[in-house]
PDB file of N, CA and C in Angstrom:
ATOM      1  N   MET A   1    -271.247  39.394  66.502  1.00  0.00           N
ATOM      2  CA  MET A   1    -270.991  37.973  66.557  1.00  0.00           C
ATOM      3  C   MET A   1    -269.482  37.754  66.671  1.00  0.00           C
ATOM      4  N   SER A   2    -269.079  36.981  67.623  1.00  0.00           N
ATOM      5  CA  SER A   2    -267.655  36.719  67.798  1.00  0.00           C
ATOM      6  C   SER A   2    -267.354  35.278  67.411  1.00  0.00           C
ATOM      7  N   SER A   3    -266.160  35.076  66.910  1.00  0.00           N
ATOM      8  CA  SER A   3    -265.748  33.718  66.563  1.00  0.00           C
ATOM      9  C   SER A   3    -264.538  33.356  67.412  1.00  0.00           C
ATOM     10  N   TYR A   4    -264.459  32.112  67.709  1.00  0.00           N
ATOM     11  CA  TYR A   4    -263.369  31.616  68.539  1.00  0.00           C
ATOM     12  C   TYR A   4    -262.447  30.756  67.695  1.00  0.00           C
ATOM     13  N   VAL A   5    -261.169  30.989  67.870  1.00  0.00           N
ATOM     14  CA  VAL A   5    -260.166  30.200  67.173  1.00  0.00           C
ATOM     15  C   VAL A   5    -259.352  29.477  68.232  1.00  0.00           C
ATOM     16  N   THR A   6    -259.310  28.179  68.119  1.00  0.00           N
ATOM     17  CA  THR A   6    -258.544  27.381  69.061  1.00  0.00           C
ATOM     18  C   THR A   6    -257.126  27.215  68.543  1.00  0.00           C
ATOM     19  N   GLN A   7    -256.172  27.610  69.355  1.00  0.00           N
ATOM     20  CA  GLN A   7    -254.776  27.445  68.982  1.00  0.00           C
ATOM     21  C   GLN A   7    -254.383  25.994  69.225  1.00  0.00           C
ATOM     22  N   THR A   8    -253.797  25.363  68.225  1.00  0.00           N
ATOM     23  CA  THR A   8    -253.277  24.011  68.400  1.00  0.00           C
ATOM     24  C   THR A   8    -251.796  24.017  68.071  1.00  0.00           C
ATOM     25  N   SER A   9    -251.119  23.086  68.644  1.00  0.00           N
ATOM     26  CA  SER A   9    -249.678  22.960  68.453  1.00  0.00           C
ATOM     27  C   SER A   9    -249.369  22.466  67.047  1.00  0.00           C
ATOM     28  N   ASP A  10    -248.150  22.694  66.614  1.00  0.00           N
ATOM     29  CA  ASP A  10    -247.712  22.108  65.350  1.00  0.00           C
ATOM     30  C   ASP A  10    -247.166  20.698  65.570  1.00  0.00           C
ATOM     31  N   LYS A  11    -247.183  20.237  66.806  1.00  0.00           N
ATOM     32  CA  LYS A  11    -246.706  18.896  67.155  1.00  0.00           C
ATOM     33  C   LYS A  11    -247.857  17.896  67.114  1.00  0.00           C
ATOM     34  N   SER A  12    -247.565  16.693  66.652  1.00  0.00           N
ATOM     35  CA  SER A  12    -248.564  15.655  66.455  1.00  0.00           C
ATOM     36  C   SER A  12    -248.816  14.841  67.731  1.00  0.00           C
ATOM     37  N   LYS A  13    -250.084  14.645  68.041  1.00  0.00           N
ATOM     38  CA  LYS A  13    -250.470  13.825  69.190  1.00  0.00           C
ATOM     39  C   LYS A  13    -250.015  12.375  68.993  1.00  0.00           C
ATOM     40  N   ARG A  14    -250.159  11.879  67.766  1.00  0.00           N
ATOM     41  CA  ARG A  14    -249.778  10.497  67.465  1.00  0.00           C
ATOM     42  C   ARG A  14    -248.275  10.276  67.669  1.00  0.00           C
ATOM     43  N   LYS A  15    -247.472  11.203  67.158  1.00  0.00           N
ATOM     44  CA  LYS A  15    -246.018  11.071  67.303  1.00  0.00           C
ATOM     45  C   LYS A  15    -245.607  11.176  68.773  1.00  0.00           C
ATOM     46  N   ALA A  16    -246.231  12.089  69.517  1.00  0.00           N
ATOM     47  CA  ALA A  16    -245.929  12.229  70.941  1.00  0.00           C
ATOM     48  C   ALA A  16    -246.298  10.957  71.703  1.00  0.00           C
ATOM     49  N   LEU A  17    -247.423  10.333  71.325  1.00  0.00           N
ATOM     50  CA  LEU A  17    -247.846   9.103  71.985  1.00  0.00           C
ATOM     51  C   LEU A  17    -246.862   7.968  71.710  1.00  0.00           C
ATOM     52  N   ILE A  18    -246.398   7.867  70.481  1.00  0.00           N
ATOM     53  CA  ILE A  18    -245.418   6.833  70.129  1.00  0.00           C
ATOM     54  C   ILE A  18    -244.106   7.074  70.868  1.00  0.00           C
ATOM     55  N   LEU A  19    -243.649   8.325  70.891  1.00  0.00           N
ATOM     56  CA  LEU A  19    -242.403   8.641  71.605  1.00  0.00           C
ATOM     57  C   LEU A  19    -242.533   8.365  73.098  1.00  0.00           C
ATOM     58  N   CYS A  20    -243.692   8.666  73.662  1.00  0.00           N
ATOM     59  CA  CYS A  20    -243.911   8.424  75.087  1.00  0.00           C
ATOM     60  C   CYS A  20    -243.929   6.930  75.381  1.00  0.00           C
ATOM     61  N   ALA A  21    -244.606   6.164  74.522  1.00  0.00           N
ATOM     62  CA  ALA A  21    -244.692   4.718  74.743  1.00  0.00           C
ATOM     63  C   ALA A  21    -243.330   4.044  74.614  1.00  0.00           C
ATOM     64  N   CYS A  22    -242.513   4.504  73.651  1.00  0.00           N
ATOM     65  CA  CYS A  22    -241.220   3.864  73.394  1.00  0.00           C
ATOM     66  C   CYS A  22    -240.060   4.451  74.204  1.00  0.00           C
ATOM     67  N   GLY A  23    -240.109   5.745  74.470  1.00  0.00           N
ATOM     68  CA  GLY A  23    -238.987   6.383  75.154  1.00  0.00           C
ATOM     69  C   GLY A  23    -239.409   7.360  76.227  1.00  0.00           C
ATOM     70  N   GLY A  24    -240.582   7.138  76.790  1.00  0.00           N
ATOM     71  CA  GLY A  24    -241.098   8.039  77.810  1.00  0.00           C
ATOM     72  C   GLY A  24    -240.292   8.056  79.091  1.00  0.00           C
ATOM     73  N   ILE A  25    -239.668   6.943  79.393  1.00  0.00           N
ATOM     74  CA  ILE A  25    -238.842   6.858  80.603  1.00  0.00           C
ATOM     75  C   ILE A  25    -237.695   7.868  80.543  1.00  0.00           C
ATOM     76  N   ILE A  26    -237.183   8.128  79.342  1.00  0.00           N
ATOM     77  CA  ILE A  26    -236.096   9.106  79.219  1.00  0.00           C
ATOM     78  C   ILE A  26    -236.592  10.446  78.688  1.00  0.00           C
ATOM     79  N   GLY A  27    -237.907  10.612  78.605  1.00  0.00           N
ATOM     80  CA  GLY A  27    -238.483  11.910  78.296  1.00  0.00           C
ATOM     81  C   GLY A  27    -238.512  12.324  76.832  1.00  0.00           C
ATOM     82  N   LEU A  28    -238.452  11.400  75.906  1.00  0.00           N
ATOM     83  CA  LEU A  28    -238.426  11.762  74.489  1.00  0.00           C
ATOM     84  C   LEU A  28    -239.627  12.601  74.078  1.00  0.00           C
ATOM     85  N   HIS A  29    -240.795  12.298  74.587  1.00  0.00           N
ATOM     86  CA  HIS A  29    -242.003  13.056  74.225  1.00  0.00           C
ATOM     87  C   HIS A  29    -241.922  14.502  74.709  1.00  0.00           C
ATOM     88  N   ASN A  30    -241.293  14.730  75.841  1.00  0.00           N
ATOM     89  CA  ASN A  30    -241.131  16.092  76.347  1.00  0.00           C
ATOM     90  C   ASN A  30    -240.161  16.895  75.485  1.00  0.00           C
ATOM     91  N   PHE A  31    -239.084  16.268  75.046  1.00  0.00           N
ATOM     92  CA  PHE A  31    -238.160  16.954  74.142  1.00  0.00           C
ATOM     93  C   PHE A  31    -238.864  17.279  72.830  1.00  0.00           C
ATOM     94  N   TYR A  32    -239.695  16.372  72.341  1.00  0.00           N
ATOM     95  CA  TYR A  32    -240.410  16.574  71.078  1.00  0.00           C
ATOM     96  C   TYR A  32    -241.333  17.791  71.120  1.00  0.00           C
ATOM     97  N   VAL A  33    -242.036  17.985  72.227  1.00  0.00           N
ATOM     98  CA  VAL A  33    -242.975  19.113  72.309  1.00  0.00           C
ATOM     99  C   VAL A  33    -242.320  20.393  72.820  1.00  0.00           C
ATOM    100  N   GLY A  34    -241.016  20.367  73.060  1.00  0.00           N
ATOM    101  CA  GLY A  34    -240.292  21.570  73.446  1.00  0.00           C
ATOM    102  C   GLY A  34    -240.173  21.803  74.937  1.00  0.00           C
ATOM    103  N   ARG A  35    -240.513  20.825  75.734  1.00  0.00           N
ATOM    104  CA  ARG A  35    -240.405  20.956  77.192  1.00  0.00           C
ATOM    105  C   ARG A  35    -239.063  20.352  77.630  1.00  0.00           C
ATOM    106  N   ILE A  36    -238.006  21.079  77.333  1.00  0.00           N
ATOM    107  CA  ILE A  36    -236.643  20.586  77.523  1.00  0.00           C
ATOM    108  C   ILE A  36    -236.326  20.317  78.995  1.00  0.00           C
ATOM    109  N   GLY A  37    -236.686  21.235  79.869  1.00  0.00           N
ATOM    110  CA  GLY A  37    -236.415  21.051  81.298  1.00  0.00           C
ATOM    111  C   GLY A  37    -237.091  19.810  81.857  1.00  0.00           C
ATOM    112  N   ARG A  38    -238.326  19.619  81.478  1.00  0.00           N
ATOM    113  CA  ARG A  38    -239.060  18.438  81.940  1.00  0.00           C
ATOM    114  C   ARG A  38    -238.475  17.169  81.315  1.00  0.00           C
ATOM    115  N   GLY A  39    -238.011  17.270  80.066  1.00  0.00           N
ATOM    116  CA  GLY A  39    -237.360  16.132  79.427  1.00  0.00           C
ATOM    117  C   GLY A  39    -236.099  15.721  80.167  1.00  0.00           C
ATOM    118  N   LEU A  40    -235.313  16.711  80.591  1.00  0.00           N
ATOM    119  CA  LEU A  40    -234.102  16.415  81.369  1.00  0.00           C
ATOM    120  C   LEU A  40    -234.447  15.789  82.714  1.00  0.00           C
ATOM    121  N   LEU A  41    -235.500  16.303  83.342  1.00  0.00           N
ATOM    122  CA  LEU A  41    -235.948  15.726  84.614  1.00  0.00           C
ATOM    123  C   LEU A  41    -236.339  14.262  84.435  1.00  0.00           C
ATOM    124  N   PHE A  42    -237.076  13.958  83.382  1.00  0.00           N
ATOM    125  CA  PHE A  42    -237.478  12.579  83.111  1.00  0.00           C
ATOM    126  C   PHE A  42    -236.252  11.710  82.836  1.00  0.00           C
ATOM    127  N   ALA A  43    -235.283  12.240  82.082  1.00  0.00           N
ATOM    128  CA  ALA A  43    -234.082  11.474  81.757  1.00  0.00           C
ATOM    129  C   ALA A  43    -233.278  11.137  83.013  1.00  0.00           C
ATOM    130  N   ILE A  44    -233.208  12.072  83.935  1.00  0.00           N
ATOM    131  CA  ILE A  44    -232.425  11.869  85.154  1.00  0.00           C
ATOM    132  C   ILE A  44    -233.133  10.951  86.144  1.00  0.00           C
ATOM    133  N   THR A  45    -234.455  11.052  86.245  1.00  0.00           N
ATOM    134  CA  THR A  45    -235.205  10.313  87.266  1.00  0.00           C
ATOM    135  C   THR A  45    -235.924   9.076  86.734  1.00  0.00           C
ATOM    136  N   GLY A  46    -235.671   8.709  85.489  1.00  0.00           N
ATOM    137  CA  GLY A  46    -236.337   7.534  84.928  1.00  0.00           C
ATOM    138  C   GLY A  46    -237.830   7.767  84.782  1.00  0.00           C
ATOM    139  N   GLY A  47    -238.181   8.860  84.148  1.00  0.00           N
ATOM    140  CA  GLY A  47    -239.600   9.183  83.948  1.00  0.00           C
ATOM    141  C   GLY A  47    -240.290   9.538  85.243  1.00  0.00           C
ATOM    142  N   CYS A  48    -239.568  10.266  86.106  1.00  0.00           N
ATOM    143  CA  CYS A  48    -240.064  10.605  87.456  1.00  0.00           C
ATOM    144  C   CYS A  48    -240.525   9.333  88.165  1.00  0.00           C
ATOM    145  N   PHE A  49    -239.600   8.380  88.174  1.00  0.00           N
ATOM    146  CA  PHE A  49    -239.809   7.101  88.850  1.00  0.00           C
ATOM    147  C   PHE A  49    -241.027   6.364  88.304  1.00  0.00           C
ATOM    148  N   VAL A  50    -241.186   6.396  87.004  1.00  0.00           N
ATOM    149  CA  VAL A  50    -242.215   5.721  86.203  1.00  0.00           C
ATOM    150  C   VAL A  50    -243.595   6.359  86.347  1.00  0.00           C
ATOM    151  N   PHE A  51    -243.913   6.954  87.456  1.00  0.00           N
ATOM    152  CA  PHE A  51    -245.251   7.531  87.657  1.00  0.00           C
ATOM    153  C   PHE A  51    -245.522   8.691  86.702  1.00  0.00           C
ATOM    154  N   GLY A  52    -244.564   9.569  86.514  1.00  0.00           N
ATOM    155  CA  GLY A  52    -244.726  10.693  85.608  1.00  0.00           C
ATOM    156  C   GLY A  52    -244.912  10.230  84.171  1.00  0.00           C
ATOM    157  N   TRP A  53    -244.198   9.188  83.795  1.00  0.00           N
ATOM    158  CA  TRP A  53    -244.308   8.629  82.457  1.00  0.00           C
ATOM    159  C   TRP A  53    -245.713   8.070  82.224  1.00  0.00           C
ATOM    160  N   LEU A  54    -246.235   7.316  83.173  1.00  0.00           N
ATOM    161  CA  LEU A  54    -247.579   6.752  83.030  1.00  0.00           C
ATOM    162  C   LEU A  54    -248.647   7.844  82.969  1.00  0.00           C
ATOM    163  N   ILE A  55    -248.493   8.870  83.778  1.00  0.00           N
ATOM    164  CA  ILE A  55    -249.446   9.988  83.766  1.00  0.00           C
ATOM    165  C   ILE A  55    -249.402  10.699  82.417  1.00  0.00           C
ATOM    166  N   ASP A  56    -248.205  10.947  81.892  1.00  0.00           N
ATOM    167  CA  ASP A  56    -248.081  11.595  80.586  1.00  0.00           C
ATOM    168  C   ASP A  56    -248.666  10.729  79.478  1.00  0.00           C
ATOM    169  N   LEU A  57    -248.469   9.428  79.551  1.00  0.00           N
ATOM    170  CA  LEU A  57    -249.024   8.514  78.557  1.00  0.00           C
ATOM    171  C   LEU A  57    -250.550   8.629  78.513  1.00  0.00           C
ATOM    172  N   ILE A  58    -251.164   8.669  79.675  1.00  0.00           N
ATOM    173  CA  ILE A  58    -252.622   8.811  79.766  1.00  0.00           C
ATOM    174  C   ILE A  58    -253.059  10.189  79.270  1.00  0.00           C
ATOM    175  N   LYS A  59    -252.317  11.239  79.663  1.00  0.00           N
ATOM    176  CA  LYS A  59    -252.674  12.599  79.245  1.00  0.00           C
ATOM    177  C   LYS A  59    -252.581  12.766  77.729  1.00  0.00           C
ATOM    178  N   ILE A  60    -251.569  12.181  77.109  1.00  0.00           N
ATOM    179  CA  ILE A  60    -251.438  12.278  75.657  1.00  0.00           C
ATOM    180  C   ILE A  60    -252.587  11.530  74.985  1.00  0.00           C
ATOM    181  N   ALA A  61    -252.888  10.331  75.459  1.00  0.00           N
ATOM    182  CA  ALA A  61    -253.950   9.523  74.863  1.00  0.00           C
ATOM    183  C   ALA A  61    -255.319  10.189  74.979  1.00  0.00           C
ATOM    184  N   THR A  62    -255.554  10.922  76.058  1.00  0.00           N
ATOM    185  CA  THR A  62    -256.860  11.562  76.254  1.00  0.00           C
ATOM    186  C   THR A  62    -256.921  12.982  75.700  1.00  0.00           C
ATOM    187  N   GLY A  63    -255.788  13.510  75.242  1.00  0.00           N
ATOM    188  CA  GLY A  63    -255.774  14.846  74.659  1.00  0.00           C
ATOM    189  C   GLY A  63    -255.531  15.967  75.652  1.00  0.00           C
ATOM    190  N   ALA A  64    -255.152  15.644  76.863  1.00  0.00           N
ATOM    191  CA  ALA A  64    -254.924  16.654  77.892  1.00  0.00           C
ATOM    192  C   ALA A  64    -253.478  17.161  77.925  1.00  0.00           C
ATOM    193  N   PHE A  65    -252.586  16.557  77.176  1.00  0.00           N
ATOM    194  CA  PHE A  65    -251.164  16.937  77.167  1.00  0.00           C
ATOM    195  C   PHE A  65    -250.970  18.191  76.329  1.00  0.00           C
ATOM    196  N   ARG A  66    -250.129  19.098  76.778  1.00  0.00           N
ATOM    197  CA  ARG A  66    -249.890  20.381  76.097  1.00  0.00           C
ATOM    198  C   ARG A  66    -248.422  20.515  75.721  1.00  0.00           C
ATOM    199  N   ASP A  67    -248.160  21.361  74.734  1.00  0.00           N
ATOM    200  CA  ASP A  67    -246.773  21.616  74.341  1.00  0.00           C
ATOM    201  C   ASP A  67    -246.160  22.696  75.227  1.00  0.00           C
ATOM    202  N   ASN A  68    -244.991  23.201  74.843  1.00  0.00           N
ATOM    203  CA  ASN A  68    -244.270  24.155  75.688  1.00  0.00           C
ATOM    204  C   ASN A  68    -244.936  25.519  75.804  1.00  0.00           C
ATOM    205  N   VAL A  69    -245.877  25.850  74.921  1.00  0.00           N
ATOM    206  CA  VAL A  69    -246.592  27.124  75.031  1.00  0.00           C
ATOM    207  C   VAL A  69    -248.023  26.934  75.527  1.00  0.00           C
ATOM    208  N   GLY A  70    -248.377  25.713  75.916  1.00  0.00           N
ATOM    209  CA  GLY A  70    -249.695  25.437  76.474  1.00  0.00           C
ATOM    210  C   GLY A  70    -250.761  25.093  75.459  1.00  0.00           C
ATOM    211  N   ALA A  71    -250.379  24.874  74.211  1.00  0.00           N
ATOM    212  CA  ALA A  71    -251.357  24.537  73.173  1.00  0.00           C
ATOM    213  C   ALA A  71    -251.563  23.020  73.117  1.00  0.00           C
ATOM    214  N   PRO A  72    -252.788  22.583  72.883  1.00  0.00           N
ATOM    215  CA  PRO A  72    -253.039  21.137  72.740  1.00  0.00           C
ATOM    216  C   PRO A  72    -252.384  20.613  71.461  1.00  0.00           C
ATOM    217  N   LEU A  73    -251.981  19.352  71.501  1.00  0.00           N
ATOM    218  CA  LEU A  73    -251.346  18.744  70.341  1.00  0.00           C
ATOM    219  C   LEU A  73    -252.377  18.516  69.241  1.00  0.00           C
ATOM    220  N   ARG A  74    -251.935  18.600  67.976  1.00  0.00           N
ATOM    221  CA  ARG A  74    -252.867  18.396  66.864  1.00  0.00           C
ATOM    222  C   ARG A  74    -253.126  16.904  66.681  1.00  0.00           C
ATOM    223  N   GLU A  75    -254.266  16.589  66.128  1.00  0.00           N
ATOM    224  CA  GLU A  75    -254.688  15.202  65.996  1.00  0.00           C
ATOM    225  C   GLU A  75    -253.870  14.406  64.990  1.00  0.00           C
ATOM    226  N   LYS A  76    -253.448  15.006  63.885  1.00  0.00           N
ATOM    227  CA  LYS A  76    -252.713  14.239  62.865  1.00  0.00           C
ATOM    228  C   LYS A  76    -251.335  14.753  62.642  1.00  0.00           C
TER     229      LYS A  76
END
């Protein structure tokens, strides 16, 4: 019998969602989860011309957003 362990991030989904909603245009949520390069890209391009920010907002809300090592964000 095998058991599966799901790796989750130590970063909070709720905090990432708040950071994205308030400062997503400058990439605050990306800096929070450790995606520094993407955070800089968002800061320079205004959230990848707003489209990237909106996509990330939806991905965080639905649970599809990942941290810098590919782990899903924790619920609380």
